[in-house]
């Protein structure tokens, strides 16, 4: 079993930046691929970015060039650096590892 705890959400103005963190309860090497998802009010949860244990990444088109996913396997932690934030990035952001999900952290981008 893996417990995931997100942090770093908050309120930011459009054009600003935030860095989300996801701390896992198990070693990064034993976890495998991890990802960030988000769910805006009234919308379905969507993939934002994924990263493998080796560091290969993939991003949703809507965040390419603005968001960067990374992980520190020694610290069992995954990150999402979000730059040039837009109001449409407002959502609850969740980290995921296989069947396990974190509780989410809210990001609100004001215009």
Foldseek 3Di string as FASTA:
>chain_A
DKAKAKDWADEEAQQAKIKMKIAIPDALVVQFKKFKWWDDPPGDIGTAKIATSVGDMDGDPVQPPFWDWDDDRVRRMIMIIGGRDDQVVFTWMWMDGVPDIYPTDTHGYHD
